[in-house]
N, C-alpha and C. Protein backbone atom coordinates (compact mmCIF):
# COMPACT_ATOMS: atom_id res chain seq x y z
N MET A 1 -6.96 -14.23 6.71
CA MET A 1 -7.71 -13.22 7.36
C MET A 1 -9.05 -13.46 6.50
N ASN A 2 -10.38 -12.65 7.53
CA ASN A 2 -11.59 -13.04 6.78
C ASN A 2 -11.82 -11.52 5.86
N ASN A 3 -12.86 -11.81 5.16
CA ASN A 3 -13.00 -10.77 4.13
C ASN A 3 -13.19 -9.23 4.73
N LYS A 4 -13.93 -9.54 5.63
CA LYS A 4 -14.87 -8.48 6.49
C LYS A 4 -13.89 -7.66 6.90
N ILE A 5 -12.83 -8.29 7.80
CA ILE A 5 -11.65 -7.13 8.17
C ILE A 5 -11.15 -6.61 6.82
N ALA A 6 -10.53 -7.83 6.09
CA ALA A 6 -9.69 -6.83 5.16
C ALA A 6 -10.19 -6.09 4.27
N LEU A 7 -11.91 -5.83 3.93
CA LEU A 7 -12.41 -5.17 3.05
C LEU A 7 -12.57 -3.47 4.21
N GLU A 8 -12.94 -3.79 5.61
CA GLU A 8 -12.86 -2.96 6.47
C GLU A 8 -11.79 -1.89 6.30
N SER A 9 -10.39 -2.76 6.64
CA SER A 9 -9.15 -1.87 6.98
C SER A 9 -8.97 -1.38 5.66
N MET A 10 -9.46 -2.12 4.05
CA MET A 10 -8.95 -1.27 2.78
C MET A 10 -9.94 0.14 2.67
N ALA A 11 -11.07 -0.09 3.29
CA ALA A 11 -11.87 1.41 3.38
C ALA A 11 -11.17 2.20 3.93
N MET A 12 -10.78 2.11 5.21
CA MET A 12 -10.12 3.08 5.87
C MET A 12 -8.85 3.50 5.08
N ASP A 13 -7.85 2.68 4.74
CA ASP A 13 -6.73 2.95 4.03
C ASP A 13 -7.28 4.01 2.92
N LEU A 14 -8.46 3.63 2.33
CA LEU A 14 -8.79 4.59 1.17
C LEU A 14 -9.31 5.92 1.63
N LYS A 15 -9.86 6.02 2.76
CA LYS A 15 -10.45 7.20 3.51
C LYS A 15 -9.05 8.12 3.45
N ARG A 16 -8.19 7.56 4.10
CA ARG A 16 -6.93 8.14 4.44
C ARG A 16 -6.14 8.54 2.78
N VAL A 17 -6.28 7.77 1.69
CA VAL A 17 -5.79 8.35 0.34
C VAL A 17 -6.67 9.50 0.29
N ALA A 18 -7.91 9.77 0.52
CA ALA A 18 -8.53 11.06 0.13
C ALA A 18 -8.45 12.05 1.16
N LEU A 19 -8.12 11.74 2.18
CA LEU A 19 -7.59 12.89 2.91
C LEU A 19 -6.45 13.09 2.52
N GLY A 20 -5.54 12.48 2.06
CA GLY A 20 -4.11 12.76 1.64
C GLY A 20 -4.28 13.60 0.39
N TYR A 21 -5.06 13.23 -0.60
CA TYR A 21 -5.24 14.16 -1.84
C TYR A 21 -5.77 15.39 -1.03
N HIS A 22 -6.59 15.40 -0.37
CA HIS A 22 -7.39 16.40 -0.18
C HIS A 22 -6.48 17.82 0.48
N ASN A 23 -5.38 17.49 1.21
CA ASN A 23 -4.58 18.13 1.96
C ASN A 23 -3.60 17.93 0.85
N ASN A 24 -3.38 17.82 -0.05
CA ASN A 24 -2.18 18.19 -1.42
C ASN A 24 -1.00 17.30 -0.82
N SER A 25 -1.35 16.04 0.24
CA SER A 25 -0.39 15.51 0.51
C SER A 25 -0.17 13.94 -0.42
N THR A 26 0.52 14.01 -1.59
CA THR A 26 0.26 13.11 -2.51
C THR A 26 1.15 11.88 -1.91
N LYS A 27 2.36 12.27 -1.26
CA LYS A 27 3.38 11.19 -0.73
C LYS A 27 2.33 9.91 0.38
N MET A 28 1.64 10.86 1.17
CA MET A 28 0.80 10.24 2.14
C MET A 28 -0.47 9.73 1.33
N ALA A 29 -0.81 9.91 0.46
CA ALA A 29 -1.76 9.39 -0.47
C ALA A 29 -1.39 8.13 -0.83
N GLU A 30 -0.33 8.53 -1.70
CA GLU A 30 0.42 6.98 -2.33
C GLU A 30 0.92 5.93 -1.33
N ARG A 31 1.25 6.40 0.00
CA ARG A 31 1.22 5.39 0.94
C ARG A 31 0.38 4.70 1.20
N PHE A 32 -0.87 5.30 1.44
CA PHE A 32 -1.85 4.69 2.22
C PHE A 32 -2.61 3.47 0.99
N HIS A 33 -2.33 4.34 -0.47
CA HIS A 33 -2.99 3.43 -1.83
C HIS A 33 -2.21 2.18 -1.57
N GLU A 34 -1.16 2.14 -1.60
CA GLU A 34 -0.16 0.97 -1.28
C GLU A 34 -0.59 -0.15 -0.02
N GLU A 35 -0.86 0.47 0.85
CA GLU A 35 -1.72 -0.29 2.02
C GLU A 35 -2.96 -0.66 1.57
N ALA A 36 -3.68 -0.07 0.96
CA ALA A 36 -5.05 -0.23 0.45
C ALA A 36 -4.96 -1.89 -0.70
N MET A 37 -3.57 -1.48 -1.53
CA MET A 37 -3.73 -2.74 -2.59
C MET A 37 -3.24 -3.90 -1.93
N LEU A 38 -2.43 -3.57 -0.77
CA LEU A 38 -1.94 -5.03 0.09
C LEU A 38 -3.17 -5.88 0.74
N ARG A 39 -4.10 -4.73 1.14
CA ARG A 39 -5.61 -5.56 1.84
C ARG A 39 -6.21 -6.06 0.83
N LYS A 40 -6.36 -5.59 -0.65
CA LYS A 40 -7.18 -6.00 -1.53
C LYS A 40 -6.45 -7.54 -1.86
N ASN A 41 -5.20 -7.66 -2.10
CA ASN A 41 -4.94 -8.99 -2.27
C ASN A 41 -5.19 -10.00 -1.06
N GLU A 42 -5.62 -9.66 -0.15
CA GLU A 42 -6.16 -10.30 1.04
C GLU A 42 -7.66 -10.81 1.01
N VAL A 43 -8.32 -10.12 0.34
CA VAL A 43 -9.75 -10.40 -0.24
C VAL A 43 -9.72 -12.01 -1.00
N ASN A 44 -10.50 -12.68 -0.54
CA ASN A 44 -11.16 -13.85 -1.39
C ASN A 44 -11.82 -13.21 -2.47
N ILE A 45 -11.59 -13.05 -3.48
CA ILE A 45 -12.54 -12.38 -4.60
C ILE A 45 -13.90 -13.36 -4.94
N LYS A 46 -13.51 -14.66 -4.92
CA LYS A 46 -14.62 -15.48 -5.34
C LYS A 46 -15.81 -15.55 -3.99
N ASP A 47 -15.58 -15.08 -2.69
CA ASP A 47 -16.53 -14.72 -2.04
C ASP A 47 -17.46 -13.72 -1.90
N VAL A 48 -16.87 -12.58 -2.73
CA VAL A 48 -17.34 -11.26 -2.81
C VAL A 48 -18.63 -11.27 -3.90
N LYS A 49 -19.56 -10.42 -3.88
CA LYS A 49 -20.48 -10.23 -5.14
C LYS A 49 -20.03 -9.46 -6.42
N PRO A 50 -20.40 -9.83 -7.59
CA PRO A 50 -19.56 -9.13 -8.68
C PRO A 50 -19.73 -7.52 -8.60
N TYR A 51 -20.31 -7.11 -8.32
CA TYR A 51 -20.27 -5.50 -8.11
C TYR A 51 -18.91 -5.09 -7.35
N LEU A 52 -18.79 -5.80 -6.14
CA LEU A 52 -17.84 -5.36 -5.41
C LEU A 52 -16.49 -5.73 -6.22
N ARG A 53 -16.50 -6.94 -6.95
CA ARG A 53 -15.49 -7.16 -7.45
C ARG A 53 -15.06 -6.03 -8.63
N SER A 54 -15.89 -5.45 -9.22
CA SER A 54 -15.75 -4.15 -10.40
C SER A 54 -15.05 -3.12 -9.60
N VAL A 55 -15.56 -2.78 -8.09
CA VAL A 55 -15.52 -1.77 -7.49
C VAL A 55 -13.68 -2.04 -6.69
N LEU A 56 -13.44 -3.31 -6.69
CA LEU A 56 -12.36 -3.55 -6.16
C LEU A 56 -10.83 -3.10 -7.37
N LYS A 57 -11.67 -3.48 -8.74
CA LYS A 57 -10.63 -3.35 -10.04
C LYS A 57 -10.30 -1.62 -9.78
N ARG A 58 -11.68 -0.73 -9.36
CA ARG A 58 -11.33 0.52 -9.93
C ARG A 58 -10.31 1.21 -8.78
N THR A 59 -10.25 0.41 -7.74
CA THR A 59 -9.14 1.03 -6.70
C THR A 59 -7.72 0.91 -6.92
N GLU A 60 -7.44 0.18 -8.12
CA GLU A 60 -6.05 0.03 -8.43
C GLU A 60 -5.63 1.47 -9.11
N LYS A 61 -6.06 2.26 -9.66
CA LYS A 61 -5.88 3.65 -10.06
C LYS A 61 -6.82 4.66 -9.39
N ILE A 62 -6.32 5.31 -8.55
CA ILE A 62 -7.04 6.38 -8.02
C ILE A 62 -6.26 7.54 -8.05
N ASN A 63 -6.77 8.65 -8.61
CA ASN A 63 -6.15 10.18 -8.65
C ASN A 63 -6.81 11.21 -7.96
N THR A 64 -7.85 10.87 -7.44
CA THR A 64 -8.87 12.15 -6.75
C THR A 64 -9.07 11.81 -5.59
N SER A 65 -9.24 12.80 -4.59
CA SER A 65 -9.77 12.66 -3.49
C SER A 65 -11.28 12.08 -3.45
N ASP A 66 -12.22 12.86 -4.29
CA ASP A 66 -13.46 12.16 -4.58
C ASP A 66 -13.73 10.58 -4.69
N GLU A 67 -12.69 10.51 -5.70
CA GLU A 67 -12.69 9.07 -6.10
C GLU A 67 -12.57 8.00 -4.99
N ALA A 68 -11.08 8.19 -4.39
CA ALA A 68 -11.02 7.59 -3.12
C ALA A 68 -12.03 7.49 -2.23
N LEU A 69 -12.88 8.66 -1.87
CA LEU A 69 -13.80 8.43 -0.73
C LEU A 69 -14.89 7.74 -1.49
N MET A 70 -15.29 7.80 -2.46
CA MET A 70 -16.61 7.23 -2.86
C MET A 70 -16.37 5.72 -2.93
N LEU A 71 -15.09 5.49 -3.44
CA LEU A 71 -14.59 3.69 -3.49
C LEU A 71 -14.66 3.18 -2.08
N SER A 72 -14.26 4.05 -1.24
CA SER A 72 -14.17 3.75 0.33
C SER A 72 -15.79 3.53 0.79
N THR A 73 -16.61 4.19 0.60
CA THR A 73 -17.69 4.42 1.08
C THR A 73 -18.57 3.07 0.78
N LEU A 74 -18.05 2.67 -0.67
CA LEU A 74 -19.10 1.55 -1.34
C LEU A 74 -18.57 0.39 -0.70
N ILE A 75 -17.15 0.17 -0.24
CA ILE A 75 -16.66 -0.91 0.09
C ILE A 75 -17.14 -1.16 1.74
N GLN A 76 -17.01 0.15 2.00
CA GLN A 76 -17.66 0.19 3.69
C GLN A 76 -19.19 -0.34 3.67
N ASN A 77 -20.03 0.39 2.79
CA ASN A 77 -21.79 0.04 2.84
C ASN A 77 -21.46 -1.86 2.36
N TYR A 78 -20.94 -2.03 1.21
CA TYR A 78 -20.80 -3.57 1.38
C TYR A 78 -20.49 -4.57 2.58
N THR A 79 -19.60 -4.14 3.52
CA THR A 79 -19.30 -4.69 4.54
C THR A 79 -20.43 -5.05 5.49
N ARG A 80 -20.95 -3.59 5.44
CA ARG A 80 -22.13 -3.37 6.63
C ARG A 80 -23.56 -4.24 6.10
N LYS A 81 -23.38 -4.14 4.94
CA LYS A 81 -24.96 -5.17 4.32
C LYS A 81 -24.58 -6.61 4.29
N PHE A 82 -23.66 -6.89 3.97
CA PHE A 82 -23.43 -8.21 3.37
C PHE A 82 -22.45 -9.04 4.24
N LEU A 83 -21.75 -8.83 5.13
CA LEU A 83 -20.66 -9.50 5.83
C LEU A 83 -21.06 -9.41 7.41
């Protein structure tokens, strides 16, 4: 799978994490976080810019809706500009 699809899918999963936390549905948020981590494993880290590597590392532990939404937006912006 190419990085663009994996990163775009991950961004959508993180938006769902944000929605889950916002609606106090931690079970939903945790499930989509698991999906996002599966997508992260599909990304070829060597082919992305260094700042995105640090963003991807920050996705491992997300505790708030705002944090998930911010990381989702950063990933989405990366895919639109560089891929």
